[in-house]
Amino acid sequence: MNKAQLRRNWFTITSMVSRDFKLKYRRSVLGVLWSVLNPLLMMCVLTAVFSTFFKFDIENYPLYLILGNTLFAFMADSTSTAMGSIIDSAPLIKKIRIDKIIFPIEKVLFQLVNFAISLVAVVIVMVFFQITPTWNWLLLPVLLVYVTLFSAGLGFLLASLAVFFRDMKHLWSVVITAWTYATPLFYPENILPAWMAAAEAYNPMYQYVTYYRDIALWNITPDLSMNLTCLVMALATFAVGLFVFKKTERKFILYV
């Protein structure tokens, strides 16, 4: 792929992100504000439920909750929308010659923009609870590279599978639900049985959520081992997803 083609693809991706952004908030009274209000409202509801009825004793629980939820939502929304990106773009794919990989990439980048907006909600919670940001926040872009690569890899894989197996959409929603409860997003990890706590080491989203909470809540600088674990999980998933996508994309036109 030459530089001219890369520029064309990047222009197409940014134009599509802009289009999706406008479509999402079209005719919405609150517009972009919903991307801030939604995580705040969810945090309030879940905090009321889990801190009152389950008596979870976690310091700064609302921030603990919103950090985990927003990062997990980034992955879940990225992969879910990327999964249908090829099928939804079938009319365009049939009409013109275009690099099909730009469709799942655009969906992941669009969700990255939404995540960036949701950071306003995180800042509001930090201000409310008088939590001062530290230099560890500078590691947030590193974490976002990990999660974006991981989400893109899953998105490539799901987009490919969904073309040939349309039931993937329903199956993935079940997987995401199970994954949500299997990751300590709204409960402390110390309540997990030993076997499940050990299994969390192989849960990429547990690693990424822990990394996020370390730099934003606990003021812990992730060590080299943590960074290598996150990077390897991201690169391995990206490589597998990209391989499957490239091996199957020529057949897309026959099934979309």
Protein backbone atom coordinates (compact mmCIF):
# COMPACT_ATOMS: atom_id res chain seq x y z
CA MET A 1 0.00 0.00 0.00
CA ASN A 2 1.60 3.28 -1.13
CA LYS A 3 1.49 6.64 0.61
CA ALA A 4 -1.22 8.03 -1.67
CA GLN A 5 -3.49 5.10 -0.89
CA LEU A 6 -2.78 5.45 2.82
CA ARG A 7 -3.75 9.13 2.65
CA ARG A 8 -6.96 8.26 0.80
CA ASN A 9 -7.84 5.60 3.34
CA TRP A 10 -7.13 7.94 6.26
CA PHE A 11 -9.28 10.65 4.68
CA THR A 12 -12.09 8.12 4.19
CA ILE A 13 -11.81 6.91 7.80
CA THR A 14 -11.85 10.43 9.28
CA SER A 15 -14.80 11.40 7.07
CA MET A 16 -16.72 8.33 8.23
CA VAL A 17 -15.93 9.05 11.88
CA SER A 18 -17.23 12.58 11.41
CA ARG A 19 -20.36 11.23 9.72
CA ASP A 20 -21.06 8.72 12.50
CA PHE A 21 -20.50 11.41 15.11
CA LYS A 22 -23.05 13.70 13.48
CA LEU A 23 -25.54 10.86 13.03
CA LYS A 24 -25.26 9.78 16.65
CA TYR A 25 -26.20 13.18 18.02
CA ARG A 26 -28.57 14.31 15.27
CA ARG A 27 -31.88 15.54 16.72
CA SER A 28 -30.56 14.97 20.24
CA VAL A 29 -31.40 17.82 22.59
CA LEU A 30 -28.34 17.26 24.77
CA GLY A 31 -26.07 16.15 21.94
CA VAL A 32 -22.49 15.35 22.94
CA LEU A 33 -23.43 15.94 26.57
CA TRP A 34 -25.00 12.47 26.59
CA SER A 35 -21.55 10.91 26.27
CA VAL A 36 -20.73 12.59 29.59
CA LEU A 37 -24.08 12.12 31.30
CA ASN A 38 -24.48 8.45 30.40
CA PRO A 39 -21.44 7.14 32.34
CA LEU A 40 -22.26 9.50 35.22
CA LEU A 41 -25.85 8.27 35.46
CA MET A 42 -24.78 4.63 35.21
CA MET A 43 -22.20 5.26 37.92
CA CYS A 44 -24.84 6.76 40.21
CA VAL A 45 -27.24 3.84 39.72
CA LEU A 46 -24.60 1.13 40.17
CA THR A 47 -23.04 2.91 43.14
CA ALA A 48 -26.43 3.09 44.85
CA VAL A 49 -27.10 -0.59 44.21
CA PHE A 50 -23.74 -2.15 45.00
CA SER A 51 -22.57 0.10 47.80
CA THR A 52 -25.95 -0.06 49.58
CA PHE A 53 -27.13 -3.63 49.08
CA PHE A 54 -23.84 -5.49 48.68
CA LYS A 55 -21.82 -3.31 51.06
CA PHE A 56 -18.70 -3.29 48.92
CA ASP A 57 -16.05 -1.43 50.87
CA ILE A 58 -13.89 0.09 48.13
CA GLU A 59 -12.19 3.44 48.58
CA ASN A 60 -13.58 6.03 46.15
CA TYR A 61 -15.99 3.43 44.80
CA PRO A 62 -17.72 5.76 42.28
CA LEU A 63 -14.39 6.45 40.56
CA TYR A 64 -13.46 2.76 40.76
CA LEU A 65 -16.75 2.01 39.02
CA ILE A 66 -16.67 4.65 36.28
CA LEU A 67 -13.08 3.85 35.32
CA GLY A 68 -13.87 0.18 34.79
CA ASN A 69 -17.17 0.76 33.04
CA THR A 70 -15.98 3.38 30.56
CA LEU A 71 -12.93 1.38 29.48
CA PHE A 72 -14.88 -1.86 29.15
CA ALA A 73 -17.60 -0.02 27.21
CA PHE A 74 -14.96 1.22 24.78
CA MET A 75 -13.96 -2.35 23.96
CA ALA A 76 -17.52 -3.71 23.92
CA ASP A 77 -18.89 -0.94 21.69
CA SER A 78 -15.87 -1.06 19.38
CA THR A 79 -16.08 -4.79 18.77
CA SER A 80 -19.88 -4.86 18.49
CA THR A 81 -20.01 -2.09 15.88
CA ALA A 82 -16.94 -3.34 14.01
CA MET A 83 -18.58 -6.78 13.76
CA GLY A 84 -21.38 -5.44 11.56
CA SER A 85 -19.28 -2.93 9.65
CA ILE A 86 -18.73 -5.07 6.54
CA ILE A 87 -22.34 -6.22 6.31
CA ASP A 88 -23.67 -2.69 6.84
CA SER A 89 -21.33 -1.37 4.13
CA ALA A 90 -22.38 -4.00 1.57
CA PRO A 91 -23.96 -1.49 -0.89
CA LEU A 92 -20.71 0.49 -1.02
CA ILE A 93 -18.49 -2.59 -1.25
CA LYS A 94 -20.51 -3.86 -4.21
CA LYS A 95 -20.28 -0.57 -6.09
CA ILE A 96 -16.68 0.57 -5.75
CA ARG A 97 -13.26 -0.88 -5.09
CA ILE A 98 -12.30 0.06 -1.56
CA ASP A 99 -10.07 -1.33 1.17
CA LYS A 100 -12.56 -3.21 3.30
CA ILE A 101 -10.41 -3.03 6.41
CA ILE A 102 -11.19 0.67 6.81
CA PHE A 103 -14.74 -0.16 7.93
CA PRO A 104 -13.91 -1.97 11.20
CA ILE A 105 -11.03 0.45 11.84
CA GLU A 106 -13.41 3.40 11.54
CA LYS A 107 -15.81 1.90 14.08
CA VAL A 108 -13.02 1.40 16.62
CA LEU A 109 -11.71 4.95 16.14
CA PHE A 110 -15.23 6.35 16.47
CA GLN A 111 -15.61 4.61 19.83
CA LEU A 112 -12.19 5.96 20.83
CA VAL A 113 -13.55 9.47 20.25
CA ASN A 114 -16.56 8.65 22.44
CA PHE A 115 -14.25 7.32 25.13
CA ALA A 116 -12.26 10.57 25.01
CA ILE A 117 -15.48 12.51 25.58
CA SER A 118 -16.38 10.24 28.52
CA LEU A 119 -13.14 11.30 30.21
CA VAL A 120 -14.97 14.51 31.08
CA ALA A 121 -17.22 12.41 33.32
CA VAL A 122 -14.15 10.86 34.98
CA VAL A 123 -12.72 14.32 35.64
CA ILE A 124 -16.03 15.46 37.17
CA VAL A 125 -15.98 12.51 39.58
CA MET A 126 -12.36 13.21 40.51
CA VAL A 127 -13.14 16.86 41.20
CA PHE A 128 -16.21 15.94 43.27
CA PHE A 129 -14.24 13.52 45.46
CA GLN A 130 -11.19 15.82 45.51
CA ILE A 131 -8.86 13.28 43.92
CA THR A 132 -5.79 14.97 42.51
CA PRO A 133 -4.43 13.59 39.21
CA THR A 134 -0.80 12.49 39.26
CA TRP A 135 1.96 12.10 36.69
CA ASN A 136 0.76 8.53 36.13
CA TRP A 137 -2.06 9.97 34.01
CA LEU A 138 0.57 10.52 31.31
CA LEU A 139 0.46 6.75 30.77
CA LEU A 140 -3.18 6.92 29.63
CA PRO A 141 -2.24 7.23 25.90
CA VAL A 142 -0.12 4.08 26.29
CA LEU A 143 -3.09 2.22 27.73
CA LEU A 144 -5.33 3.48 24.93
CA VAL A 145 -2.89 2.14 22.34
CA TYR A 146 -3.13 -1.30 23.99
CA VAL A 147 -6.93 -1.29 24.17
CA THR A 148 -7.36 0.15 20.67
CA LEU A 149 -5.11 -2.52 19.13
CA PHE A 150 -6.88 -5.23 21.12
CA SER A 151 -10.32 -3.96 20.13
CA ALA A 152 -9.31 -3.60 16.48
CA GLY A 153 -7.99 -7.15 16.40
CA LEU A 154 -11.23 -8.50 17.85
CA GLY A 155 -13.16 -6.25 15.48
CA PHE A 156 -11.34 -7.66 12.44
CA LEU A 157 -12.03 -11.21 13.58
CA LEU A 158 -15.70 -10.59 14.36
CA ALA A 159 -16.30 -8.63 11.15
CA SER A 160 -14.93 -11.56 9.15
CA LEU A 161 -16.93 -14.19 11.03
CA ALA A 162 -20.15 -12.17 10.88
CA VAL A 163 -20.05 -12.11 7.06
CA PHE A 164 -20.23 -15.91 6.94
CA PHE A 165 -22.12 -16.57 10.19
CA ARG A 166 -24.80 -13.96 10.80
CA ASP A 167 -25.61 -15.43 14.22
CA MET A 168 -22.32 -13.99 15.50
CA LYS A 169 -24.17 -10.80 16.45
CA HIS A 170 -26.38 -12.65 18.92
CA LEU A 171 -23.56 -14.87 20.17
CA TRP A 172 -21.25 -11.90 20.78
CA SER A 173 -23.86 -10.11 22.89
CA VAL A 174 -23.93 -13.16 25.18
CA VAL A 175 -20.12 -13.24 25.31
CA ILE A 176 -19.96 -9.54 26.19
CA THR A 177 -22.50 -10.01 28.98
CA ALA A 178 -20.55 -12.94 30.44
CA TRP A 179 -17.29 -11.02 30.02
CA THR A 180 -18.76 -8.05 31.89
CA TYR A 181 -19.56 -10.14 34.94
CA ALA A 182 -16.28 -12.05 34.72
CA THR A 183 -14.31 -8.80 34.96
CA PRO A 184 -14.21 -6.92 38.31
CA LEU A 185 -15.93 -3.78 37.05
CA PHE A 186 -18.40 -3.19 39.88
CA TYR A 187 -17.17 -5.62 42.52
CA PRO A 188 -13.78 -6.05 44.27
CA GLU A 189 -11.57 -8.80 42.94
CA ASN A 190 -10.95 -10.13 46.46
CA ILE A 191 -14.43 -11.70 46.51
CA LEU A 192 -13.52 -14.03 43.65
CA PRO A 193 -12.85 -17.71 44.40
CA ALA A 194 -9.23 -18.76 43.99
CA TRP A 195 -9.72 -20.46 40.62
CA MET A 196 -11.45 -17.44 39.12
CA ALA A 197 -8.89 -15.00 40.54
CA ALA A 198 -6.16 -17.09 38.88
CA ALA A 199 -8.07 -17.07 35.59
CA GLU A 200 -8.17 -13.26 35.59
CA ALA A 201 -4.51 -13.26 34.58
CA TYR A 202 -5.70 -14.44 31.15
CA ASN A 203 -8.50 -11.88 30.91
CA PRO A 204 -7.19 -8.99 28.77
CA MET A 205 -9.84 -6.57 29.99
CA TYR A 206 -8.95 -7.32 33.59
CA GLN A 207 -5.38 -6.33 32.78
CA TYR A 208 -6.43 -3.12 31.03
CA VAL A 209 -8.96 -2.09 33.69
CA THR A 210 -6.38 -2.75 36.42
CA TYR A 211 -3.85 -0.64 34.51
CA TYR A 212 -6.40 2.19 34.23
CA ARG A 213 -7.26 2.10 37.93
CA ASP A 214 -3.60 1.95 38.88
CA ILE A 215 -2.73 5.17 37.06
CA ALA A 216 -5.98 7.07 37.72
CA LEU A 217 -7.11 5.90 41.16
CA TRP A 218 -4.36 4.15 43.12
CA ASN A 219 -1.42 6.27 41.90
CA ILE A 220 0.57 3.16 40.98
CA THR A 221 2.97 3.18 38.06
CA PRO A 222 2.49 -0.04 36.05
CA ASP A 223 5.77 -1.96 35.93
CA LEU A 224 7.50 -3.42 32.89
CA SER A 225 5.85 -6.81 33.40
CA MET A 226 2.37 -5.24 33.39
CA ASN A 227 3.14 -3.26 30.24
CA LEU A 228 4.54 -6.30 28.45
CA THR A 229 1.49 -8.37 29.38
CA CYS A 230 -0.87 -5.70 28.05
CA LEU A 231 1.19 -5.19 24.89
CA VAL A 232 1.51 -8.90 24.08
CA MET A 233 -2.24 -9.45 24.53
CA ALA A 234 -2.97 -6.48 22.27
CA LEU A 235 -0.48 -7.39 19.53
CA ALA A 236 -1.41 -11.09 19.53
CA THR A 237 -5.12 -10.30 19.18
CA PHE A 238 -4.46 -7.69 16.51
CA ALA A 239 -2.24 -10.07 14.52
CA VAL A 240 -4.75 -12.94 14.63
CA GLY A 241 -7.67 -10.68 13.73
CA LEU A 242 -5.78 -9.05 10.86
CA PHE A 243 -4.65 -12.43 9.52
CA VAL A 244 -8.18 -13.84 9.49
CA PHE A 245 -9.57 -10.65 7.93
CA LYS A 246 -6.99 -10.59 5.13
CA LYS A 247 -7.45 -14.31 4.41
CA THR A 248 -11.22 -14.00 4.05
CA GLU A 249 -11.86 -10.50 2.65
CA ARG A 250 -11.84 -11.64 -1.00
CA LYS A 251 -14.89 -13.79 -0.30
CA PHE A 252 -16.88 -11.00 1.37
CA ILE A 253 -18.44 -9.88 -1.89
CA LEU A 254 -20.04 -13.32 -2.30
CA TYR A 255 -21.79 -13.24 1.09
CA VAL A 256 -22.72 -9.63 1.90
